[in-house]
Amino acid sequence: MTYSYTQISQYLTCPRRYRHRYLDGWKEKDTRAAMLFGRAFEQALGAYFRREDPGAILFTEWSACQSQGLHYSNRDSWDRMLRQGIMLLDRFCQDDRIQVHQPRRNLQIKFNRPVSGKNDFVAYIDAIGKFDGKRCLLECPHRADIQKNLKGCFLWTPNSSATHG
């Protein structure tokens, strides 16, 4: 059996929900706009590092969610979130503090380690790259927090535990 941090956390939070999702195979349809927007934005950042058009990817991915009956928080709307996403991408590109060379290899890196017997632990690293010229592991904030980060200077930050220990 393969375990991940998310699976273990979900089991500790609600064993019944864990059983439904991981053992019974139930899939929940996520209608939280912030979560789906975050996924679309992650795709756009990947496109940026692959030297593709991140704005076009954001629009395409976010458009696919438009008719899903999304639940928005506060005064958000599909259009407002798209505008904010474009502003975030512009700022991210202008700051140019993060570089990910060979993005097909260095984005969303899967690590699988045996823990005992036939059990494995799987984890993902968001990216390996450079932040202000220094090599480090990079982590993206939680998907729901991406939209809230408009006032920040950049989105991805070095993983302090990986760079200092």
N, C-alpha and C. Protein backbone atom coordinates (compact mmCIF):
# COMPACT_ATOMS: atom_id res chain seq x y z
N MET A 1 0.85 -1.17 0.00
CA MET A 1 0.00 0.00 0.00
C MET A 1 0.89 1.23 0.00
N THR A 2 0.48 2.26 -0.71
CA THR A 2 1.22 3.51 -0.77
C THR A 2 0.49 4.56 0.04
N TYR A 3 1.23 5.26 0.90
CA TYR A 3 0.66 6.31 1.75
C TYR A 3 1.27 7.65 1.38
N SER A 4 0.50 8.71 1.61
CA SER A 4 1.00 10.06 1.41
C SER A 4 0.64 10.89 2.64
N TYR A 5 1.24 12.05 2.72
CA TYR A 5 0.92 12.96 3.83
C TYR A 5 -0.57 13.27 3.84
N THR A 6 -1.14 13.52 2.67
CA THR A 6 -2.56 13.85 2.57
C THR A 6 -3.42 12.70 3.08
N GLN A 7 -3.08 11.48 2.70
CA GLN A 7 -3.85 10.33 3.16
C GLN A 7 -3.78 10.18 4.68
N ILE A 8 -2.59 10.29 5.23
CA ILE A 8 -2.43 10.14 6.68
C ILE A 8 -3.18 11.25 7.41
N SER A 9 -3.05 12.48 6.91
CA SER A 9 -3.74 13.61 7.52
C SER A 9 -5.26 13.42 7.46
N GLN A 10 -5.75 12.95 6.33
CA GLN A 10 -7.18 12.73 6.19
C GLN A 10 -7.67 11.62 7.13
N TYR A 11 -6.88 10.58 7.28
CA TYR A 11 -7.25 9.51 8.19
C TYR A 11 -7.33 10.02 9.63
N LEU A 12 -6.34 10.82 10.03
CA LEU A 12 -6.32 11.34 11.39
C LEU A 12 -7.47 12.32 11.63
N THR A 13 -7.89 13.04 10.60
CA THR A 13 -8.98 13.99 10.72
C THR A 13 -10.34 13.29 10.74
N CYS A 14 -10.52 12.35 9.82
CA CYS A 14 -11.82 11.67 9.71
C CYS A 14 -11.62 10.29 9.08
N PRO A 15 -11.51 9.24 9.89
CA PRO A 15 -11.28 7.89 9.35
C PRO A 15 -12.35 7.44 8.36
N ARG A 16 -13.59 7.85 8.58
CA ARG A 16 -14.67 7.44 7.66
C ARG A 16 -14.46 8.07 6.28
N ARG A 17 -14.11 9.35 6.25
CA ARG A 17 -13.87 10.03 4.97
C ARG A 17 -12.68 9.38 4.25
N TYR A 18 -11.64 9.02 5.01
CA TYR A 18 -10.49 8.33 4.45
C TYR A 18 -10.95 7.03 3.78
N ARG A 19 -11.76 6.25 4.49
CA ARG A 19 -12.23 4.98 3.95
C ARG A 19 -13.00 5.19 2.65
N HIS A 20 -13.92 6.16 2.66
CA HIS A 20 -14.71 6.41 1.45
C HIS A 20 -13.83 6.81 0.26
N ARG A 21 -12.86 7.68 0.51
CA ARG A 21 -12.05 8.17 -0.59
C ARG A 21 -10.99 7.18 -1.05
N TYR A 22 -10.21 6.64 -0.10
CA TYR A 22 -9.05 5.84 -0.50
C TYR A 22 -9.31 4.34 -0.59
N LEU A 23 -10.23 3.84 0.17
CA LEU A 23 -10.50 2.41 0.12
C LEU A 23 -11.69 2.07 -0.76
N ASP A 24 -12.75 2.90 -0.68
CA ASP A 24 -13.94 2.65 -1.48
C ASP A 24 -13.89 3.34 -2.85
N GLY A 25 -12.96 4.28 -3.02
CA GLY A 25 -12.77 4.94 -4.32
C GLY A 25 -13.76 6.05 -4.65
N TRP A 26 -14.43 6.59 -3.65
CA TRP A 26 -15.36 7.69 -3.91
C TRP A 26 -14.58 8.94 -4.29
N LYS A 27 -15.13 9.71 -5.21
CA LYS A 27 -14.52 10.96 -5.63
C LYS A 27 -15.49 12.10 -5.33
N GLU A 28 -15.00 13.10 -4.63
CA GLU A 28 -15.81 14.29 -4.38
C GLU A 28 -15.58 15.29 -5.50
N LYS A 29 -16.65 15.91 -5.95
CA LYS A 29 -16.52 16.96 -6.94
C LYS A 29 -16.30 18.26 -6.19
N ASP A 30 -15.15 18.87 -6.41
CA ASP A 30 -14.82 20.10 -5.71
C ASP A 30 -15.46 21.27 -6.43
N THR A 31 -16.24 22.05 -5.70
CA THR A 31 -16.89 23.22 -6.28
C THR A 31 -16.38 24.51 -5.65
N ARG A 32 -15.32 24.41 -4.84
CA ARG A 32 -14.76 25.62 -4.24
C ARG A 32 -13.95 26.36 -5.30
N ALA A 33 -14.38 27.56 -5.61
CA ALA A 33 -13.74 28.34 -6.66
C ALA A 33 -12.26 28.57 -6.36
N ALA A 34 -11.92 28.87 -5.12
CA ALA A 34 -10.52 29.15 -4.78
C ALA A 34 -9.64 27.93 -5.04
N MET A 35 -10.14 26.75 -4.74
CA MET A 35 -9.36 25.53 -4.95
C MET A 35 -9.15 25.28 -6.45
N LEU A 36 -10.19 25.39 -7.23
CA LEU A 36 -10.09 25.14 -8.66
C LEU A 36 -9.26 26.23 -9.35
N PHE A 37 -9.41 27.46 -8.87
CA PHE A 37 -8.59 28.54 -9.41
C PHE A 37 -7.10 28.26 -9.14
N GLY A 38 -6.82 27.78 -7.94
CA GLY A 38 -5.43 27.45 -7.59
C GLY A 38 -4.85 26.40 -8.51
N ARG A 39 -5.64 25.39 -8.83
CA ARG A 39 -5.17 24.36 -9.76
C ARG A 39 -4.89 24.96 -11.14
N ALA A 40 -5.78 25.83 -11.60
CA ALA A 40 -5.58 26.48 -12.90
C ALA A 40 -4.33 27.35 -12.87
N PHE A 41 -4.14 28.04 -11.76
CA PHE A 41 -2.97 28.92 -11.63
C PHE A 41 -1.67 28.11 -11.60
N GLU A 42 -1.67 26.98 -10.93
CA GLU A 42 -0.49 26.12 -10.93
C GLU A 42 -0.15 25.67 -12.34
N GLN A 43 -1.17 25.35 -13.13
CA GLN A 43 -0.93 24.97 -14.53
C GLN A 43 -0.31 26.14 -15.30
N ALA A 44 -0.78 27.35 -15.02
CA ALA A 44 -0.24 28.54 -15.70
C ALA A 44 1.22 28.77 -15.32
N LEU A 45 1.57 28.57 -14.04
CA LEU A 45 2.97 28.73 -13.63
C LEU A 45 3.85 27.68 -14.30
N GLY A 46 3.36 26.46 -14.40
CA GLY A 46 4.11 25.43 -15.11
C GLY A 46 4.36 25.83 -16.55
N ALA A 47 3.34 26.41 -17.19
CA ALA A 47 3.49 26.88 -18.57
C ALA A 47 4.55 27.98 -18.66
N TYR A 48 4.54 28.88 -17.69
CA TYR A 48 5.55 29.96 -17.66
C TYR A 48 6.96 29.37 -17.65
N PHE A 49 7.21 28.39 -16.79
CA PHE A 49 8.54 27.80 -16.71
C PHE A 49 8.88 26.98 -17.95
N ARG A 50 7.88 26.48 -18.65
CA ARG A 50 8.12 25.73 -19.90
C ARG A 50 8.19 26.67 -21.10
N ARG A 51 8.13 27.96 -20.84
CA ARG A 51 8.18 29.01 -21.87
C ARG A 51 6.98 28.96 -22.80
N GLU A 52 5.83 28.60 -22.24
CA GLU A 52 4.57 28.65 -22.96
C GLU A 52 3.83 29.90 -22.49
N ASP A 53 2.66 30.16 -23.02
CA ASP A 53 1.89 31.35 -22.66
C ASP A 53 1.09 31.08 -21.38
N PRO A 54 1.53 31.59 -20.23
CA PRO A 54 0.83 31.29 -18.98
C PRO A 54 -0.57 31.89 -18.92
N GLY A 55 -0.76 33.06 -19.54
CA GLY A 55 -2.08 33.69 -19.55
C GLY A 55 -3.09 32.85 -20.31
N ALA A 56 -2.67 32.30 -21.44
CA ALA A 56 -3.57 31.46 -22.23
C ALA A 56 -3.92 30.19 -21.47
N ILE A 57 -2.94 29.61 -20.78
CA ILE A 57 -3.20 28.39 -20.01
C ILE A 57 -4.14 28.69 -18.85
N LEU A 58 -3.91 29.80 -18.15
CA LEU A 58 -4.80 30.18 -17.05
C LEU A 58 -6.23 30.34 -17.57
N PHE A 59 -6.39 31.04 -18.68
CA PHE A 59 -7.72 31.26 -19.23
C PHE A 59 -8.38 29.93 -19.62
N THR A 60 -7.64 29.07 -20.28
CA THR A 60 -8.19 27.77 -20.72
C THR A 60 -8.59 26.91 -19.53
N GLU A 61 -7.70 26.79 -18.56
CA GLU A 61 -7.97 25.94 -17.39
C GLU A 61 -9.11 26.51 -16.54
N TRP A 62 -9.11 27.80 -16.32
CA TRP A 62 -10.15 28.44 -15.50
C TRP A 62 -11.48 28.44 -16.25
N SER A 63 -11.46 28.59 -17.56
CA SER A 63 -12.69 28.54 -18.36
C SER A 63 -13.37 27.18 -18.25
N ALA A 64 -12.59 26.13 -18.13
CA ALA A 64 -13.15 24.79 -18.01
C ALA A 64 -13.98 24.65 -16.72
N CYS A 65 -13.73 25.51 -15.75
CA CYS A 65 -14.44 25.46 -14.45
C CYS A 65 -15.67 26.37 -14.42
N GLN A 66 -15.80 27.24 -15.41
CA GLN A 66 -16.80 28.32 -15.36
C GLN A 66 -18.23 27.83 -15.18
N SER A 67 -18.58 26.73 -15.78
CA SER A 67 -19.98 26.28 -15.74
C SER A 67 -20.20 25.15 -14.72
N GLN A 68 -19.34 25.06 -13.71
CA GLN A 68 -19.43 23.96 -12.75
C GLN A 68 -20.20 24.30 -11.48
N GLY A 69 -20.89 25.42 -11.44
CA GLY A 69 -21.63 25.77 -10.24
C GLY A 69 -20.72 26.00 -9.05
N LEU A 70 -19.73 26.86 -9.24
CA LEU A 70 -18.72 27.10 -8.22
C LEU A 70 -19.25 27.89 -7.03
N HIS A 71 -18.64 27.63 -5.88
CA HIS A 71 -18.95 28.39 -4.67
C HIS A 71 -17.83 29.41 -4.47
N TYR A 72 -18.19 30.68 -4.54
CA TYR A 72 -17.23 31.77 -4.41
C TYR A 72 -17.30 32.33 -2.99
N SER A 73 -16.17 32.85 -2.52
CA SER A 73 -16.17 33.49 -1.21
C SER A 73 -16.29 35.00 -1.39
N ASN A 74 -16.89 35.63 -0.40
CA ASN A 74 -17.04 37.09 -0.36
C ASN A 74 -17.57 37.66 -1.68
N ARG A 75 -16.84 38.60 -2.25
CA ARG A 75 -17.30 39.27 -3.48
C ARG A 75 -16.65 38.70 -4.73
N ASP A 76 -16.12 37.51 -4.64
CA ASP A 76 -15.44 36.92 -5.80
C ASP A 76 -16.44 36.52 -6.88
N SER A 77 -15.93 36.50 -8.08
CA SER A 77 -16.68 35.99 -9.22
C SER A 77 -15.65 35.37 -10.17
N TRP A 78 -16.14 34.67 -11.17
CA TRP A 78 -15.24 34.05 -12.14
C TRP A 78 -14.38 35.12 -12.80
N ASP A 79 -15.00 36.21 -13.26
CA ASP A 79 -14.26 37.28 -13.93
C ASP A 79 -13.24 37.95 -13.01
N ARG A 80 -13.65 38.22 -11.80
CA ARG A 80 -12.74 38.89 -10.85
C ARG A 80 -11.52 38.01 -10.56
N MET A 81 -11.74 36.73 -10.38
CA MET A 81 -10.62 35.83 -10.10
C MET A 81 -9.70 35.72 -11.31
N LEU A 82 -10.25 35.71 -12.52
CA LEU A 82 -9.41 35.68 -13.72
C LEU A 82 -8.55 36.95 -13.79
N ARG A 83 -9.15 38.10 -13.57
CA ARG A 83 -8.39 39.37 -13.60
C ARG A 83 -7.28 39.34 -12.56
N GLN A 84 -7.58 38.88 -11.36
CA GLN A 84 -6.56 38.80 -10.32
C GLN A 84 -5.46 37.82 -10.71
N GLY A 85 -5.83 36.71 -11.33
CA GLY A 85 -4.84 35.74 -11.77
C GLY A 85 -3.89 36.31 -12.80
N ILE A 86 -4.42 37.09 -13.74
CA ILE A 86 -3.57 37.73 -14.75
C ILE A 86 -2.62 38.72 -14.08
N MET A 87 -3.13 39.48 -13.09
CA MET A 87 -2.28 40.42 -12.36
C MET A 87 -1.18 39.68 -11.60
N LEU A 88 -1.52 38.56 -10.98
CA LEU A 88 -0.52 37.76 -10.27
C LEU A 88 0.55 37.24 -11.22
N LEU A 89 0.13 36.74 -12.37
CA LEU A 89 1.10 36.24 -13.35
C LEU A 89 2.02 37.35 -13.81
N ASP A 90 1.45 38.53 -14.09
CA ASP A 90 2.28 39.67 -14.51
C ASP A 90 3.33 40.00 -13.46
N ARG A 91 2.89 40.05 -12.22
CA ARG A 91 3.81 40.38 -11.12
C ARG A 91 4.88 39.31 -10.96
N PHE A 92 4.48 38.06 -11.04
CA PHE A 92 5.41 36.95 -10.92
C PHE A 92 6.48 37.04 -12.01
N CYS A 93 6.05 37.31 -13.24
CA CYS A 93 6.98 37.40 -14.36
C CYS A 93 7.90 38.62 -14.21
N GLN A 94 7.37 39.74 -13.75
CA GLN A 94 8.18 40.95 -13.57
C GLN A 94 9.22 40.77 -12.47
N ASP A 95 8.84 40.12 -11.37
CA ASP A 95 9.77 39.93 -10.27
C ASP A 95 10.96 39.08 -10.71
N ASP A 96 10.71 38.05 -11.51
CA ASP A 96 11.76 37.19 -12.07
C ASP A 96 12.77 36.73 -11.02
N ARG A 97 12.27 36.36 -9.85
CA ARG A 97 13.16 35.93 -8.77
C ARG A 97 13.31 34.41 -8.74
N ILE A 98 12.47 33.71 -9.46
CA ILE A 98 12.47 32.26 -9.41
C ILE A 98 12.74 31.70 -10.80
N GLN A 99 13.69 30.79 -10.86
CA GLN A 99 13.98 30.10 -12.12
C GLN A 99 13.89 28.59 -11.86
N VAL A 100 13.27 27.90 -12.80
CA VAL A 100 13.22 26.44 -12.77
C VAL A 100 13.73 25.97 -14.12
N HIS A 101 14.96 25.47 -14.11
CA HIS A 101 15.54 24.95 -15.34
C HIS A 101 15.03 23.52 -15.55
N GLN A 102 14.89 23.13 -16.78
CA GLN A 102 14.35 21.81 -17.14
C GLN A 102 13.03 21.56 -16.40
N PRO A 103 12.01 22.39 -16.65
CA PRO A 103 10.76 22.30 -15.90
C PRO A 103 10.04 20.96 -16.04
N ARG A 104 10.16 20.29 -17.15
CA ARG A 104 9.49 18.99 -17.28
C ARG A 104 10.07 17.97 -16.29
N ARG A 105 11.29 18.22 -15.89
CA ARG A 105 11.95 17.33 -14.93
C ARG A 105 11.89 17.87 -13.50
N ASN A 106 11.85 19.19 -13.34
CA ASN A 106 12.01 19.81 -12.02
C ASN A 106 10.74 20.43 -11.44
N LEU A 107 9.59 20.15 -12.01
CA LEU A 107 8.31 20.58 -11.44
C LEU A 107 7.52 19.34 -11.03
N GLN A 108 6.84 19.41 -9.90
CA GLN A 108 6.02 18.31 -9.38
C GLN A 108 6.79 16.99 -9.42
N ILE A 109 7.83 16.92 -8.60
CA ILE A 109 8.71 15.77 -8.56
C ILE A 109 8.17 14.77 -7.54
N LYS A 110 7.96 13.56 -7.98
CA LYS A 110 7.41 12.51 -7.12
C LYS A 110 8.55 11.72 -6.48
N PHE A 111 8.46 11.58 -5.15
CA PHE A 111 9.39 10.75 -4.41
C PHE A 111 8.62 9.61 -3.78
N ASN A 112 9.12 8.41 -3.95
CA ASN A 112 8.48 7.23 -3.41
C ASN A 112 9.53 6.48 -2.58
N ARG A 113 9.25 6.28 -1.30
CA ARG A 113 10.20 5.62 -0.41
C ARG A 113 9.53 4.46 0.33
N PRO A 114 10.19 3.31 0.41
CA PRO A 114 9.63 2.21 1.20
C PRO A 114 9.69 2.55 2.69
N VAL A 115 8.63 2.19 3.43
CA VAL A 115 8.63 2.43 4.87
C VAL A 115 8.68 1.13 5.66
N SER A 116 7.98 0.10 5.18
CA SER A 116 8.06 -1.21 5.83
C SER A 116 7.35 -2.23 4.95
N GLY A 117 7.92 -3.40 4.86
CA GLY A 117 7.30 -4.47 4.08
C GLY A 117 6.92 -4.01 2.69
N LYS A 118 5.64 -4.10 2.38
CA LYS A 118 5.14 -3.69 1.07
C LYS A 118 4.52 -2.31 1.09
N ASN A 119 4.83 -1.51 2.10
CA ASN A 119 4.28 -0.17 2.24
C ASN A 119 5.28 0.89 1.78
N ASP A 120 4.77 1.86 1.05
CA ASP A 120 5.58 2.97 0.56
C ASP A 120 4.97 4.28 1.03
N PHE A 121 5.82 5.30 1.07
CA PHE A 121 5.36 6.66 1.33
C PHE A 121 5.68 7.47 0.09
N VAL A 122 4.70 8.21 -0.40
CA VAL A 122 4.89 9.03 -1.59
C VAL A 122 4.75 10.50 -1.21
N ALA A 123 5.59 11.33 -1.80
CA ALA A 123 5.53 12.77 -1.56
C ALA A 123 5.89 13.49 -2.86
N TYR A 124 5.45 14.71 -2.97
CA TYR A 124 5.74 15.53 -4.13
C TYR A 124 6.44 16.81 -3.69
N ILE A 125 7.44 17.21 -4.44
CA ILE A 125 8.09 18.51 -4.27
C ILE A 125 7.57 19.38 -5.41
N ASP A 126 7.14 20.59 -5.07
CA ASP A 126 6.59 21.47 -6.11
C ASP A 126 7.62 21.78 -7.19
N ALA A 127 8.84 22.15 -6.77
CA ALA A 127 9.85 22.47 -7.78
C ALA A 127 11.24 22.48 -7.15
N ILE A 128 12.21 22.24 -8.00
CA ILE A 128 13.61 22.45 -7.65
C ILE A 128 14.09 23.55 -8.59
N GLY A 129 14.66 24.58 -8.03
CA GLY A 129 15.09 25.68 -8.87
C GLY A 129 15.97 26.64 -8.13
N LYS A 130 15.94 27.89 -8.56
CA LYS A 130 16.72 28.95 -7.93
C LYS A 130 15.80 30.08 -7.50
N PHE A 131 16.06 30.56 -6.31
CA PHE A 131 15.35 31.72 -5.76
C PHE A 131 16.40 32.77 -5.48
N ASP A 132 16.32 33.90 -6.17
CA ASP A 132 17.35 34.94 -6.08
C ASP A 132 18.74 34.36 -6.31
N GLY A 133 18.84 33.43 -7.26
CA GLY A 133 20.13 32.87 -7.64
C GLY A 133 20.62 31.71 -6.78
N LYS A 134 19.92 31.35 -5.71
CA LYS A 134 20.36 30.26 -4.84
C LYS A 134 19.52 29.02 -5.09
N ARG A 135 20.18 27.87 -5.29
CA ARG A 135 19.46 26.61 -5.51
C ARG A 135 18.68 26.24 -4.26
N CYS A 136 17.44 25.78 -4.47
CA CYS A 136 16.61 25.39 -3.33
C CYS A 136 15.39 24.62 -3.80
N LEU A 137 14.69 24.05 -2.84
CA LEU A 137 13.38 23.47 -3.08
C LEU A 137 12.39 24.62 -3.01
N LEU A 138 11.42 24.62 -3.90
CA LEU A 138 10.42 25.68 -3.92
C LEU A 138 9.05 25.07 -3.63
N GLU A 139 8.28 25.76 -2.83
CA GLU A 139 6.94 25.28 -2.56
C GLU A 139 5.93 26.37 -2.86
N CYS A 140 4.86 25.95 -3.48
CA CYS A 140 3.76 26.84 -3.81
C CYS A 140 2.83 26.89 -2.60
N PRO A 141 2.25 28.05 -2.32
CA PRO A 141 1.30 28.08 -1.20
C PRO A 141 0.09 27.20 -1.50
N HIS A 142 -0.68 26.90 -0.48
CA HIS A 142 -1.89 26.12 -0.69
C HIS A 142 -2.74 26.78 -1.77
N ARG A 143 -3.39 25.97 -2.57
CA ARG A 143 -4.17 26.48 -3.69
C ARG A 143 -5.14 27.58 -3.28
N ALA A 144 -5.81 27.40 -2.17
CA ALA A 144 -6.81 28.39 -1.75
C ALA A 144 -6.15 29.70 -1.35
N ASP A 145 -4.85 29.69 -1.03
CA ASP A 145 -4.17 30.91 -0.60
C ASP A 145 -3.58 31.69 -1.78
N ILE A 146 -3.52 31.11 -2.96
CA ILE A 146 -2.91 31.80 -4.09
C ILE A 146 -3.61 33.12 -4.37
N GLN A 147 -4.93 33.08 -4.38
CA GLN A 147 -5.69 34.29 -4.69
C GLN A 147 -5.45 35.37 -3.64
N LYS A 148 -5.31 34.99 -2.37
CA LYS A 148 -5.12 35.95 -1.30
C LYS A 148 -3.75 36.61 -1.34
N ASN A 149 -2.85 36.09 -2.15
CA ASN A 149 -1.46 36.54 -2.17
C ASN A 149 -1.22 37.71 -3.12
N LEU A 150 -2.27 38.39 -3.55
CA LEU A 150 -2.11 39.49 -4.50
C LEU A 150 -1.17 40.58 -3.99
N LYS A 151 -1.17 40.83 -2.71
CA LYS A 151 -0.36 41.91 -2.18
C LYS A 151 1.09 41.49 -1.93
N GLY A 152 1.38 40.20 -2.05
CA GLY A 152 2.74 39.71 -1.85
C GLY A 152 3.62 40.01 -3.05
N CYS A 153 4.91 39.84 -2.86
CA CYS A 153 5.85 40.13 -3.95
C CYS A 153 5.96 38.98 -4.93
N PHE A 154 5.81 37.76 -4.44
CA PHE A 154 5.94 36.59 -5.30
C PHE A 154 5.16 35.46 -4.68
N LEU A 155 4.96 34.41 -5.43
CA LEU A 155 4.11 33.32 -4.99
C LEU A 155 4.88 32.16 -4.40
N TRP A 156 5.93 31.77 -5.02
CA TRP A 156 6.65 30.60 -4.55
C TRP A 156 7.77 31.06 -3.64
N THR A 157 8.04 30.31 -2.62
CA THR A 157 9.09 30.66 -1.68
C THR A 157 10.00 29.45 -1.49
N PRO A 158 11.23 29.70 -1.08
CA PRO A 158 12.10 28.56 -0.78
C PRO A 158 11.57 27.82 0.44
N ASN A 159 11.70 26.52 0.44
CA ASN A 159 11.30 25.71 1.57
C ASN A 159 12.40 25.87 2.61
N SER A 160 12.11 26.59 3.70
CA SER A 160 13.14 26.91 4.67
C SER A 160 13.73 25.66 5.33
N SER A 161 12.93 24.64 5.55
CA SER A 161 13.47 23.43 6.17
C SER A 161 14.44 22.72 5.22
N ALA A 162 14.22 22.86 3.93
CA ALA A 162 15.09 22.21 2.95
C ALA A 162 16.36 23.02 2.71
N THR A 163 16.26 24.36 2.79
CA THR A 163 17.42 25.18 2.49
C THR A 163 18.30 25.45 3.69
N HIS A 164 17.76 25.27 4.89
CA HIS A 164 18.54 25.57 6.09
C HIS A 164 18.82 24.35 6.94
N GLY A 165 18.54 23.18 6.46
CA GLY A 165 18.77 22.03 7.33
C GLY A 165 19.02 20.85 6.58
